[in-house]
Amino acid sequence: MFKYFEARGLRKLIGDDLLSKIENVLPVLDKDLDEYGLQRKKILADIFRSFIDAKTFKKKEFRRKFYNRLPEEIIDDLIDRLNQNPNNAVFEEKVNYLVNTKWDDNEETRKVVDYLNLSEAFIPAKRVKRDSIEYLPKADREFKTLKEFQSKVYFEAVKDVEAFQRFIIQMPTGSGKTRTSMEIISNEFKKREKTVVIWLAHSTELCEQAIACFKEVWQHIGNKNVNICRAFGSHNPLEGLPKESAFIVGGFQKLYSLYKNDEKVFDDFIERVSLIIVDESHKVLAPTYKELTKKITYSNACLIGLTATPGRSQDDIFQNKKLAEFFFNKKFTIDKKGYSSVIQYLKAIDVLAYVNFESLTTSSKIKLNKKQLSHIKNKFDFPPGFLKKLGEDQIRNVEILQELIEYLKQGRQTLYFATSLDQSKFINSVLTYFGFNSCHIDGSTDKGTREGNIKAFKDEEIQVICNYGVLTTGFDAPQTDLVFIARPTSSIILYSQMIGRGLRGPAIGGTEECTVCTVKDNIEGLPEENKIYEYFDEYFD
C-alpha cells in the first residue's frame, strides 16, 4: 500500500540522513547499481515499511497522508467494510471518516489491516490491565516437568533452601535455569504455610515472563492457592498484601521505592519472606541496589542468585570474589556426567546446539580516552556515546554488511545485535534494499509491532531482526541459526546473553548447529579486551 506514496514523500518519511548513508555505501555493495538506485518507489516503500511501527499509524497526521494517497475505490471499499455508507460524500469527507476511526487493537483496525494486506505488526498491542495481586488456584493434576540434568540442581538446592542458606545456581543459557527455579519456588510454597517468595528481575518483560513460567509449573504441581503479586511499573502489592501464600515478582528499584515510602509496612512484609531469588545474581552488588540488598538480607530468608556466568566481570577478580563471598562461596550446577564440562554434556544430549564461532575483524582503529575507560571500569561496558560514534563508521558498516549479506544468502535465520539504534535502522534498511525480509526493533518500538515481527521471525516470514538493546534477554526463537554481534562489549554477562539466543539444541526445539559471528574492532587502550571470548571457548566447535 505504500506504493501509492510518491518517491519524494517516501524519502521524506524515511529521512534524508538515513538515505544519504545508504546511498554512500551502495556503490561498494551493489555491483549492479544503476542511476536510479534509491529512486525506485518500491525499494523506498519496502525500507519505510521495515522499521515503522504501530505508533506511526496511531498518528492522525500520518493516516491522513496515507489515506489521501489511496485510490478512491479503495477508500470506498474500506468504508464499506467498516459498515458505513459513503453516499454522496466527497473524497475528503471519506478520508476524514477513516482518519477519525481510532487506530487501536479493535475490529475496525483489523479490518483495515486485513483489506490493505498490511502486517498485523501494525496493530497496536492491546493494553492489558493487570491487577497488582492475581489469584492462582491449586493444581488439579500432578505432572513432572524437570529433565534429569535439571533434577540434580533442584534436589541439591531444596536442601539449602530449607536451611535458609545463600547460594548461586549456575546453569548455562538455554538449559532451563528459570524453569528449575520455579520448581524450587513451588516446593517452597508446598512445604510452608502462608509464606512469601520474592523474585527479582531487572525489566518488566522479564518479570512478566517469570510470572508466566511460575503459572505454567504451578498448574501442574500446586497443592494450594497462591497469590501472584506484581511489584513493578505502577503496581504496589504491599497495599493489601494477602495473608495467604504470595509470590512477589518485581525489580530492585521498585522494591527500594516501596521500602523508602513506608519502612514499617516493608519491614512487616519482609518478615514473612522465606525465599528470595535474584535473576542475574551479579546485580545484588550493583551500587544502586546495595541498600535494598542490605535490607532484604537482614531477613531470615534463603537467598538464591541465578546466573549463566560465574562473575560480575571477566577481569575484575575483586568483584568476582565479593560476589562469591556474598553467596557464601556456594554454587550448584549441572552434573557434567563424566564429560569435560557441563557445556560438552549438554551438547552431547542435544540440549545445546553445536555452535560455530566466527569473527570479523574490522579495519577500524579506535583509541579510548580516560573518560571512556573509566566508564567501562565502573559500568562494565562501553559508553553509549562511544557506541553511537562507532555505529557511524561507514567503512566498518560496509565490512559488516559484506559479511552479513553472504550469511543471509545462505538462508540463515538471523539476529543482528547493532552497535547503536541508528546503526540498526541503517543495516536493516540496506538489507531491505537488497531484498532480504528484514525488520528493526528497539526499546521504543510499539509492543504490538515488536510481538508481530518476532512471531513473523519465528514463522520464518522475516529472515533477520536488527535490534539494539532489546533482545538480549526474554526472547526465545529456537530456530535462530545465526547470531551476528556487531556491538562491542566488555561485559561477559551481556555477551553471554547475546550468544544465548542461538544456543538451544534440538532436544528443546532448537537447531543442531548455530553460528555466532562477533565483530572484533581494533580498540586500543582496553587491556585484554579479547579475553571475553575465551570464556565461551567450550561452547564452540
Protein backbone atom coordinates (compact mmCIF):
# COMPACT_ATOMS: atom_id res chain seq x y z
CA MET A 1 0.00 0.00 0.00
CA PHE A 2 2.96 2.34 0.40
CA LYS A 3 3.43 2.14 -3.36
CA TYR A 4 0.79 4.87 -3.65
CA PHE A 5 3.14 7.35 -1.99
CA GLU A 6 5.31 9.45 -4.26
CA ALA A 7 9.03 8.66 -4.09
CA ARG A 8 9.66 12.16 -2.74
CA GLY A 9 7.14 11.62 0.06
CA LEU A 10 8.68 8.29 1.00
CA ARG A 11 12.16 9.82 1.09
CA LYS A 12 10.87 12.46 3.47
CA LEU A 13 9.27 9.85 5.72
CA ILE A 14 12.46 7.76 5.83
CA GLY A 15 14.70 10.76 6.44
CA ASP A 16 17.46 12.37 4.40
CA ASP A 17 20.20 11.42 6.85
CA LEU A 18 19.48 7.69 6.70
CA LEU A 19 19.04 7.72 2.92
CA SER A 20 22.28 9.62 2.47
CA LYS A 21 24.15 6.97 4.49
CA ILE A 22 22.60 4.20 2.37
CA GLU A 23 23.44 5.96 -0.89
CA ASN A 24 27.06 6.39 0.20
CA VAL A 25 27.62 2.64 0.67
CA LEU A 26 25.63 1.27 -2.28
CA PRO A 27 28.39 1.81 -4.90
CA VAL A 28 30.61 -0.52 -2.86
CA LEU A 29 27.97 -3.14 -2.08
CA ASP A 30 25.86 -3.25 -5.26
CA LYS A 31 27.79 -4.23 -8.38
CA ASP A 32 24.64 -3.81 -10.47
CA LEU A 33 23.83 -0.34 -9.15
CA ASP A 34 22.30 1.85 -11.84
CA GLU A 35 21.45 5.54 -11.98
CA TYR A 36 18.08 5.04 -10.28
CA GLY A 37 19.43 3.45 -7.08
CA LEU A 38 17.19 4.50 -4.23
CA GLN A 39 14.86 6.40 -6.54
CA ARG A 40 12.75 3.30 -7.09
CA LYS A 41 9.49 3.74 -5.26
CA LYS A 42 9.11 0.05 -4.37
CA ILE A 43 12.51 -0.03 -2.64
CA LEU A 44 11.71 3.13 -0.70
CA ALA A 45 8.34 1.69 0.30
CA ASP A 46 9.95 -1.56 1.48
CA ILE A 47 12.56 0.32 3.53
CA PHE A 48 9.94 2.54 5.15
CA ARG A 49 7.73 -0.43 6.00
CA SER A 50 10.64 -2.36 7.55
CA PHE A 51 11.14 -0.04 10.51
CA ILE A 52 7.91 1.86 11.12
CA ASP A 53 5.59 0.54 13.81
CA ALA A 54 2.00 0.78 15.01
CA LYS A 55 2.73 4.12 16.66
CA THR A 56 3.19 5.64 13.20
CA PHE A 57 -0.35 4.65 12.23
CA LYS A 58 -1.72 5.92 15.52
CA LYS A 59 -0.80 9.44 14.40
CA LYS A 60 -3.73 11.06 12.62
CA GLU A 61 -1.39 13.19 10.54
CA PHE A 62 0.25 10.09 9.05
CA ARG A 63 -3.05 8.31 8.48
CA ARG A 64 -4.35 11.34 6.62
CA LYS A 65 -1.31 11.31 4.33
CA PHE A 66 -1.68 7.56 3.88
CA TYR A 67 -5.41 7.55 3.01
CA ASN A 68 -5.09 10.62 0.80
CA ARG A 69 -2.73 8.67 -1.46
CA LEU A 70 -5.02 5.66 -1.90
CA PRO A 71 -7.33 5.42 -4.95
CA GLU A 72 -10.94 6.41 -4.22
CA GLU A 73 -12.21 2.90 -4.99
CA ILE A 74 -10.02 1.51 -2.19
CA ILE A 75 -11.30 4.20 0.18
CA ASP A 76 -14.89 3.26 -0.77
CA ASP A 77 -14.21 -0.43 -0.15
CA LEU A 78 -12.67 0.34 3.23
CA ILE A 79 -15.66 2.39 4.33
CA ASP A 80 -17.97 -0.33 3.08
CA ARG A 81 -16.06 -2.94 5.13
CA LEU A 82 -16.50 -0.75 8.17
CA ASN A 83 -20.26 -0.92 7.54
CA GLN A 84 -20.56 2.72 6.59
CA ASN A 85 -22.35 4.11 3.56
CA PRO A 86 -20.39 6.94 1.94
CA ASN A 87 -23.50 8.04 -0.05
CA ASN A 88 -22.54 11.14 -2.00
CA ALA A 89 -19.66 12.15 0.28
CA VAL A 90 -16.69 13.74 -1.41
CA PHE A 91 -13.25 12.13 -1.18
CA GLU A 92 -12.08 14.46 1.60
CA GLU A 93 -15.09 13.53 3.79
CA LYS A 94 -14.41 9.83 3.28
CA VAL A 95 -10.77 10.29 4.29
CA ASN A 96 -11.85 12.27 7.36
CA TYR A 97 -14.09 9.41 8.40
CA LEU A 98 -11.23 6.88 8.14
CA VAL A 99 -8.76 9.18 9.88
CA ASN A 100 -11.16 9.65 12.79
CA THR A 101 -11.66 5.89 13.16
CA LYS A 102 -9.49 5.05 16.16
CA TRP A 103 -6.34 3.09 15.31
CA ASP A 104 -6.15 0.54 18.11
CA ASP A 105 -6.49 -3.17 18.80
CA ASN A 106 -10.12 -3.18 17.67
CA GLU A 107 -12.30 -4.73 14.97
CA GLU A 108 -12.16 -1.66 12.71
CA THR A 109 -8.35 -1.53 12.65
CA ARG A 110 -8.13 -5.27 11.98
CA LYS A 111 -10.50 -4.91 9.02
CA VAL A 112 -8.35 -2.12 7.56
CA VAL A 113 -5.12 -4.08 8.09
CA ASP A 114 -6.63 -7.21 6.55
CA TYR A 115 -8.05 -5.42 3.49
CA LEU A 116 -4.88 -3.46 2.78
CA ASN A 117 -2.77 -6.60 3.26
CA LEU A 118 -0.68 -4.91 5.92
CA SER A 119 1.24 -6.84 8.54
CA GLU A 120 -0.53 -7.47 11.85
CA ALA A 121 2.54 -5.80 13.37
CA PHE A 122 0.80 -2.50 12.56
CA ILE A 123 -1.99 -3.28 15.04
CA PRO A 124 -1.16 -1.67 18.40
CA ALA A 125 -0.74 -4.04 21.32
CA LYS A 126 -3.85 -4.34 23.40
CA ARG A 127 -3.37 -2.68 26.75
CA VAL A 128 -3.85 -5.38 29.33
CA LYS A 129 -4.65 -4.02 32.74
CA ARG A 130 -3.19 -6.43 35.26
CA ASP A 131 -4.07 -6.36 38.91
CA SER A 132 -1.28 -5.88 41.41
CA ILE A 133 -2.40 -9.13 43.06
CA GLU A 134 -3.53 -12.12 41.00
CA TYR A 135 -5.14 -15.22 42.50
CA LEU A 136 -3.76 -18.56 41.27
CA PRO A 137 -5.67 -21.72 42.35
CA LYS A 138 -4.06 -25.01 43.26
CA ALA A 139 -3.42 -27.63 40.58
CA ASP A 140 -5.91 -30.32 39.68
CA ARG A 141 -3.31 -32.79 38.38
CA GLU A 142 0.28 -33.79 39.03
CA PHE A 143 2.86 -33.55 36.25
CA LYS A 144 6.64 -33.91 36.38
CA THR A 145 8.35 -31.19 34.34
CA LEU A 146 12.05 -31.29 35.18
CA LYS A 147 14.55 -33.07 32.96
CA GLU A 148 17.13 -35.37 34.51
CA PHE A 149 20.02 -32.92 34.25
CA GLN A 150 17.92 -30.23 35.99
CA SER A 151 16.78 -32.54 38.78
CA LYS A 152 20.20 -32.76 40.43
CA VAL A 153 20.35 -28.99 40.77
CA TYR A 154 16.79 -28.95 42.11
CA PHE A 155 17.33 -31.56 44.83
CA GLU A 156 20.63 -30.04 45.99
CA ALA A 157 19.13 -26.55 46.10
CA VAL A 158 16.00 -27.59 48.03
CA LYS A 159 18.13 -28.87 50.94
CA ASP A 160 19.80 -25.48 51.35
CA VAL A 161 16.53 -23.59 50.92
CA GLU A 162 15.14 -25.47 53.89
CA ALA A 163 18.21 -24.46 55.92
CA PHE A 164 17.84 -20.77 54.87
CA GLN A 165 21.25 -20.67 53.17
CA ARG A 166 22.65 -18.46 50.41
CA PHE A 167 23.98 -19.89 47.17
CA ILE A 168 24.23 -19.46 43.41
CA ILE A 169 22.61 -21.65 40.78
CA GLN A 170 24.77 -21.56 37.68
CA MET A 171 23.23 -23.12 34.58
CA PRO A 172 24.25 -22.27 31.01
CA THR A 173 21.91 -20.16 28.93
CA GLY A 174 19.38 -22.45 27.27
CA SER A 175 19.48 -25.18 29.94
CA GLY A 176 16.33 -24.09 31.81
CA LYS A 177 17.51 -22.30 34.94
CA THR A 178 14.24 -20.33 35.18
CA ARG A 179 12.13 -23.50 34.93
CA THR A 180 14.31 -25.25 37.52
CA SER A 181 13.98 -22.24 39.82
CA MET A 182 10.19 -22.27 39.52
CA GLU A 183 10.17 -25.89 40.70
CA ILE A 184 12.22 -24.80 43.74
CA ILE A 185 9.75 -21.98 44.42
CA SER A 186 6.79 -24.35 44.02
CA ASN A 187 8.36 -26.74 46.52
CA GLU A 188 8.72 -23.85 48.97
CA PHE A 189 5.04 -22.99 48.69
CA LYS A 190 4.03 -26.64 49.07
CA LYS A 191 6.05 -27.10 52.27
CA ARG A 192 5.45 -23.79 54.06
CA GLU A 193 2.12 -22.27 55.07
CA LYS A 194 1.38 -18.64 54.23
CA THR A 195 4.92 -17.89 53.09
CA VAL A 196 6.15 -15.16 50.75
CA VAL A 197 8.68 -15.71 47.95
CA ILE A 198 10.33 -12.80 46.09
CA TRP A 199 11.64 -12.95 42.50
CA LEU A 200 13.81 -10.01 41.41
CA ALA A 201 14.40 -9.21 37.74
CA HIS A 202 15.61 -6.06 36.01
CA SER A 203 12.84 -5.41 33.46
CA THR A 204 9.05 -5.51 33.19
CA GLU A 205 9.25 -8.04 30.39
CA LEU A 206 11.40 -10.42 32.43
CA CYS A 207 9.06 -10.02 35.40
CA GLU A 208 6.04 -11.00 33.29
CA GLN A 209 7.95 -13.96 31.86
CA ALA A 210 8.79 -15.15 35.38
CA ILE A 211 5.09 -14.96 36.28
CA ALA A 212 4.13 -16.91 33.15
CA CYS A 213 6.71 -19.59 33.91
CA PHE A 214 5.51 -19.94 37.52
CA LYS A 215 1.89 -20.27 36.36
CA GLU A 216 2.90 -22.99 33.91
CA VAL A 217 4.63 -25.00 36.65
CA TRP A 218 2.10 -24.38 39.45
CA GLN A 219 -0.87 -25.52 37.37
CA HIS A 220 0.71 -28.99 37.35
CA ILE A 221 2.17 -29.34 40.86
CA GLY A 222 0.45 -26.74 43.06
CA ASN A 223 -1.22 -28.03 46.23
CA LYS A 224 -2.73 -24.76 47.47
CA ASN A 225 -3.92 -21.35 46.34
CA VAL A 226 -1.16 -18.77 45.76
CA ASN A 227 -1.37 -15.03 45.12
CA ILE A 228 0.91 -13.59 42.42
CA CYS A 229 1.87 -10.01 43.29
CA ARG A 230 3.39 -7.59 40.80
CA ALA A 231 5.93 -5.13 42.18
CA PHE A 232 6.92 -3.29 39.02
CA GLY A 233 5.58 -0.42 36.95
CA SER A 234 2.62 1.21 38.70
CA HIS A 235 1.87 -1.83 40.86
CA ASN A 236 2.14 -1.71 44.65
CA PRO A 237 1.32 -5.17 46.06
CA LEU A 238 2.19 -4.16 49.64
CA GLU A 239 -1.13 -2.33 49.80
CA GLY A 240 -3.47 -5.12 50.84
CA LEU A 241 -0.92 -7.94 50.62
CA PRO A 242 -2.86 -11.18 51.29
CA LYS A 243 -2.11 -13.14 54.44
CA GLU A 244 -2.00 -16.33 52.37
CA SER A 245 0.99 -17.53 50.34
CA ALA A 246 2.26 -14.89 47.91
CA PHE A 247 4.73 -14.86 45.03
CA ILE A 248 6.06 -11.31 44.61
CA VAL A 249 7.75 -10.52 41.31
CA GLY A 250 9.49 -7.18 40.91
CA GLY A 251 12.64 -5.18 40.48
CA PHE A 252 15.21 -3.73 42.85
CA GLN A 253 14.26 -0.14 42.10
CA LYS A 254 10.54 -0.70 42.68
CA LEU A 255 11.06 -2.57 45.94
CA TYR A 256 13.52 0.07 47.06
CA SER A 257 10.97 2.82 46.43
CA LEU A 258 8.34 0.84 48.35
CA TYR A 259 10.80 0.44 51.21
CA LYS A 260 11.61 4.16 51.31
CA ASN A 261 7.94 5.08 51.02
CA ASP A 262 6.84 3.09 54.10
CA GLU A 263 9.59 1.33 56.02
CA LYS A 264 7.22 -0.15 58.63
CA VAL A 265 4.97 -1.80 56.05
CA PHE A 266 8.06 -3.07 54.25
CA ASP A 267 9.55 -4.47 57.47
CA ASP A 268 6.32 -6.30 58.28
CA PHE A 269 6.26 -7.76 54.79
CA ILE A 270 9.92 -8.83 54.72
CA GLU A 271 9.43 -10.79 57.95
CA ARG A 272 7.11 -13.16 56.05
CA VAL A 273 9.61 -13.86 53.27
CA SER A 274 11.25 -17.31 53.30
CA LEU A 275 12.92 -17.27 49.86
CA ILE A 276 14.42 -14.57 47.61
CA ILE A 277 15.67 -15.36 44.10
CA VAL A 278 17.71 -12.82 42.14
CA ASP A 279 17.72 -13.32 38.37
CA GLU A 280 21.22 -12.30 37.19
CA SER A 281 22.92 -12.62 40.58
CA HIS A 282 25.64 -10.05 39.84
CA LYS A 283 23.08 -7.27 40.30
CA VAL A 284 22.96 -7.68 44.09
CA LEU A 285 26.30 -5.84 44.36
CA ALA A 286 25.49 -3.01 41.96
CA PRO A 287 25.96 0.37 43.71
CA THR A 288 22.35 1.44 43.09
CA TYR A 289 20.99 -1.75 44.69
CA LYS A 290 23.27 -2.04 47.73
CA GLU A 291 20.86 -0.50 50.25
CA LEU A 292 17.97 -2.76 49.28
CA THR A 293 20.28 -5.77 49.14
CA LYS A 294 21.42 -4.99 52.68
CA LYS A 295 17.81 -4.63 53.82
CA ILE A 296 16.47 -7.88 52.37
CA THR A 297 19.45 -9.91 53.58
CA TYR A 298 18.68 -8.92 57.18
CA SER A 299 15.68 -11.25 56.94
CA ASN A 300 15.90 -14.96 57.68
CA ALA A 301 15.08 -15.83 54.09
CA CYS A 302 17.13 -18.10 51.88
CA LEU A 303 18.81 -16.11 49.07
CA ILE A 304 19.47 -17.67 45.66
CA GLY A 305 21.33 -15.98 42.82
CA LEU A 306 20.78 -17.19 39.24
CA THR A 307 23.42 -16.88 36.58
CA ALA A 308 24.69 -18.40 33.36
CA THR A 309 28.14 -16.98 34.06
CA PRO A 310 30.18 -17.11 37.26
CA GLY A 311 31.02 -13.48 37.95
CA ARG A 312 30.34 -9.77 37.59
CA SER A 313 33.27 -9.08 35.28
CA GLN A 314 35.72 -11.22 33.38
CA ASP A 315 38.79 -9.30 34.52
CA ASP A 316 37.80 -7.90 37.94
CA ILE A 317 38.90 -10.61 40.37
CA PHE A 318 37.96 -8.47 43.39
CA GLN A 319 34.34 -8.09 42.23
CA ASN A 320 34.04 -11.79 41.48
CA LYS A 321 35.44 -12.64 44.90
CA LYS A 322 32.97 -10.27 46.58
CA LEU A 323 30.07 -11.88 44.72
CA ALA A 324 31.18 -15.37 45.70
CA GLU A 325 31.57 -14.35 49.33
CA PHE A 326 28.13 -12.72 49.32
CA PHE A 327 26.64 -16.08 48.37
CA PHE A 328 28.77 -17.92 50.97
CA ASN A 329 31.07 -19.33 48.26
CA LYS A 330 28.44 -21.93 47.43
CA LYS A 331 27.29 -22.84 43.94
CA PHE A 332 25.14 -25.58 42.41
CA THR A 333 25.40 -26.51 38.77
CA ILE A 334 24.56 -29.34 36.36
CA ASP A 335 26.40 -32.65 36.74
CA LYS A 336 28.68 -33.00 33.73
CA LYS A 337 28.28 -36.80 33.76
CA GLY A 338 31.92 -37.63 33.03
CA TYR A 339 32.23 -35.12 30.19
CA SER A 340 34.97 -32.50 30.17
CA SER A 341 32.44 -29.79 31.05
CA VAL A 342 28.74 -29.10 31.57
CA ILE A 343 28.62 -27.48 28.14
CA GLN A 344 30.01 -30.59 26.44
CA TYR A 345 27.50 -32.77 28.30
CA LEU A 346 24.53 -30.58 27.28
CA LYS A 347 25.72 -30.59 23.68
CA ALA A 348 26.00 -34.38 23.75
CA ILE A 349 22.36 -34.75 24.83
CA ASP A 350 21.20 -32.14 22.28
CA VAL A 351 20.08 -29.57 24.85
CA LEU A 352 22.62 -27.08 23.50
CA ALA A 353 23.38 -26.61 19.82
CA TYR A 354 26.84 -27.07 18.39
CA VAL A 355 27.98 -23.51 17.89
CA ASN A 356 30.46 -22.36 15.28
CA PHE A 357 32.34 -19.25 16.35
CA GLU A 358 33.42 -16.91 13.60
CA SER A 359 34.74 -13.39 13.82
CA LEU A 360 35.06 -10.33 11.64
CA THR A 361 38.00 -8.08 12.42
CA THR A 362 37.29 -4.62 11.07
CA SER A 363 39.82 -2.11 9.82
CA SER A 364 38.63 0.43 12.40
CA LYS A 365 41.32 1.66 14.77
CA ILE A 366 39.99 3.23 17.94
CA LYS A 367 41.81 4.63 20.94
CA LEU A 368 39.81 5.01 24.14
CA ASN A 369 40.21 8.12 26.28
CA LYS A 370 40.39 8.20 30.07
CA LYS A 371 36.69 9.02 30.47
CA GLN A 372 35.65 6.10 28.29
CA LEU A 373 37.98 3.74 30.14
CA SER A 374 36.55 4.93 33.45
CA HIS A 375 33.01 4.26 32.21
CA ILE A 376 33.99 0.73 31.17
CA LYS A 377 35.58 0.09 34.55
CA ASN A 378 32.56 1.32 36.53
CA LYS A 379 29.71 0.22 34.26
CA PHE A 380 31.30 -2.94 32.80
CA ASP A 381 30.50 -1.78 29.28
CA PHE A 382 31.25 0.82 26.63
CA PRO A 383 29.65 4.30 26.91
CA PRO A 384 26.53 4.83 24.73
CA GLY A 385 28.18 7.84 23.04
CA PHE A 386 31.15 5.72 22.02
CA LEU A 387 28.86 3.04 20.58
CA LYS A 388 26.85 5.62 18.66
CA LYS A 389 30.00 7.09 17.11
CA LEU A 390 31.29 3.64 16.23
CA GLY A 391 27.99 2.90 14.52
CA GLU A 392 28.55 5.89 12.23
CA ASP A 393 31.82 4.48 10.87
CA GLN A 394 30.79 3.76 7.30
CA ILE A 395 33.89 1.75 6.41
CA ARG A 396 33.13 -0.53 9.35
CA ASN A 397 29.47 -0.71 8.30
CA VAL A 398 30.41 -1.78 4.76
CA GLU A 399 32.66 -4.53 6.14
CA ILE A 400 29.83 -5.74 8.37
CA LEU A 401 27.29 -5.67 5.55
CA GLN A 402 29.53 -7.58 3.15
CA GLU A 403 29.91 -10.37 5.72
CA LEU A 404 26.27 -10.33 6.81
CA ILE A 405 24.87 -10.44 3.26
CA GLU A 406 26.91 -13.56 2.48
CA TYR A 407 25.38 -15.29 5.50
CA LEU A 408 21.86 -14.22 4.54
CA LYS A 409 22.30 -15.60 1.04
CA GLN A 410 22.66 -18.99 2.74
CA GLY A 411 19.15 -18.57 4.17
CA ARG A 412 20.22 -18.08 7.80
CA GLN A 413 17.57 -17.04 10.35
CA THR A 414 19.50 -14.16 11.86
CA LEU A 415 19.52 -12.00 14.96
CA TYR A 416 21.64 -8.89 14.45
CA PHE A 417 22.84 -7.02 17.55
CA ALA A 418 23.63 -3.49 16.42
CA THR A 419 26.22 -1.04 17.67
CA SER A 420 23.58 1.67 18.14
CA LEU A 421 19.93 2.39 17.43
CA ASP A 422 20.75 4.37 14.29
CA GLN A 423 23.07 1.64 13.04
CA SER A 424 20.34 -0.97 13.50
CA LYS A 425 17.98 1.08 11.31
CA PHE A 426 20.74 1.61 8.75
CA ILE A 427 21.72 -2.07 8.49
CA ASN A 428 18.05 -3.06 8.31
CA SER A 429 17.41 -0.56 5.52
CA VAL A 430 20.36 -1.72 3.42
CA LEU A 431 19.33 -5.37 3.82
CA THR A 432 15.80 -4.44 2.75
CA TYR A 433 17.24 -2.67 -0.31
CA PHE A 434 18.90 -5.95 -1.30
CA GLY A 435 15.61 -7.81 -0.99
CA PHE A 436 16.00 -9.57 2.36
CA ASN A 437 12.98 -9.77 4.66
CA SER A 438 14.32 -7.67 7.48
CA CYS A 439 12.90 -5.57 10.31
CA HIS A 440 14.19 -3.25 13.02
CA ILE A 441 13.28 -3.33 16.73
CA ASP A 442 14.41 -1.05 19.53
CA GLY A 443 13.24 -0.09 23.01
CA SER A 444 10.68 2.41 21.70
CA THR A 445 9.07 0.02 19.20
CA ASP A 446 5.35 -0.47 19.85
CA LYS A 447 4.71 -3.71 21.72
CA GLY A 448 2.26 -4.94 19.09
CA THR A 449 4.76 -4.32 16.29
CA ARG A 450 7.51 -5.98 18.26
CA GLU A 451 5.42 -9.07 19.03
CA GLY A 452 4.19 -9.24 15.42
CA ASN A 453 7.70 -9.08 13.99
CA ILE A 454 9.04 -11.64 16.46
CA LYS A 455 6.19 -14.00 15.53
CA ALA A 456 6.94 -13.47 11.83
CA PHE A 457 10.62 -14.22 12.56
CA LYS A 458 9.73 -17.44 14.39
CA ASP A 459 7.45 -18.40 11.48
CA GLU A 460 10.38 -17.63 9.13
CA GLU A 461 8.39 -14.95 7.31
CA ILE A 462 11.10 -12.49 8.38
CA GLN A 463 14.69 -13.64 7.93
CA VAL A 464 16.56 -11.12 10.05
CA ILE A 465 15.76 -8.93 13.03
CA CYS A 466 18.07 -5.96 13.54
CA ASN A 467 17.88 -4.69 17.10
CA TYR A 468 19.64 -2.53 19.61
CA GLY A 469 19.43 -3.35 23.31
CA VAL A 470 16.14 -5.26 23.44
CA LEU A 471 16.61 -8.92 22.52
CA THR A 472 19.48 -9.88 24.81
CA THR A 473 17.08 -11.42 27.33
CA GLY A 474 13.48 -12.56 27.42
CA PHE A 475 13.46 -13.62 23.79
CA ASP A 476 13.16 -17.18 22.56
CA ALA A 477 13.40 -18.13 18.89
CA PRO A 478 14.87 -21.65 18.82
CA GLN A 479 15.20 -21.72 15.02
CA THR A 480 17.80 -18.93 15.07
CA ASP A 481 20.90 -20.24 13.32
CA LEU A 482 22.98 -17.06 13.11
CA VAL A 483 23.68 -14.57 15.87
CA PHE A 484 25.61 -11.62 14.44
CA ILE A 485 27.08 -9.39 17.15
CA ALA A 486 28.25 -6.01 15.86
CA ARG A 487 28.04 -4.42 19.29
CA PRO A 488 31.36 -4.47 21.16
CA THR A 489 31.09 -5.20 24.85
CA SER A 490 33.42 -5.76 27.79
CA SER A 491 30.59 -7.37 29.76
CA ILE A 492 30.76 -11.15 29.99
CA ILE A 493 27.14 -11.11 31.16
CA LEU A 494 25.87 -9.19 28.12
CA TYR A 495 27.93 -11.27 25.69
CA SER A 496 26.57 -14.44 27.27
CA GLN A 497 23.01 -13.15 26.87
CA MET A 498 23.54 -12.30 23.19
CA ILE A 499 25.07 -15.62 22.16
CA GLY A 500 22.45 -17.39 24.28
CA ARG A 501 19.78 -16.54 21.70
CA GLY A 502 21.26 -19.23 19.43
CA LEU A 503 22.25 -21.94 21.90
CA ARG A 504 19.06 -24.02 22.12
CA GLY A 505 19.52 -27.52 20.75
CA PRO A 506 17.11 -29.95 19.04
CA ALA A 507 16.11 -31.63 22.33
CA ILE A 508 14.32 -28.41 23.32
CA GLY A 509 13.09 -27.35 19.90
CA GLY A 510 16.23 -25.58 18.66
CA THR A 511 18.75 -26.21 15.91
CA GLU A 512 21.58 -28.73 15.73
CA GLU A 513 24.06 -26.02 14.81
CA CYS A 514 24.24 -22.25 15.13
CA THR A 515 26.85 -19.75 14.04
CA VAL A 516 27.89 -16.83 16.23
CA CYS A 517 29.74 -14.13 14.31
CA THR A 518 31.33 -11.47 16.52
CA VAL A 519 32.72 -8.22 15.15
CA LYS A 520 36.11 -7.50 16.67
CA ASP A 521 37.40 -3.95 16.41
CA ASN A 522 40.96 -2.77 16.85
CA ILE A 523 40.37 -0.96 20.14
CA GLU A 524 43.49 0.42 21.76
CA GLY A 525 43.72 1.15 25.46
CA LEU A 526 41.48 -1.71 26.58
CA PRO A 527 43.71 -4.29 28.28
CA GLU A 528 42.98 -7.89 27.31
CA GLU A 529 39.76 -6.86 25.60
CA ASN A 530 39.52 -10.11 23.68
CA LYS A 531 39.68 -12.29 26.80
CA ILE A 532 35.91 -12.14 26.98
CA TYR A 533 35.61 -14.59 24.10
CA GLU A 534 37.84 -17.16 25.80
CA TYR A 535 35.19 -17.70 28.46
CA PHE A 536 32.98 -19.27 25.81
CA ASP A 537 35.55 -21.45 24.01
CA GLU A 538 33.84 -24.67 25.08
CA TYR A 539 30.53 -23.57 23.52
CA PHE A 540 32.13 -23.56 20.11
CA ASP A 541 33.31 -26.39 17.89
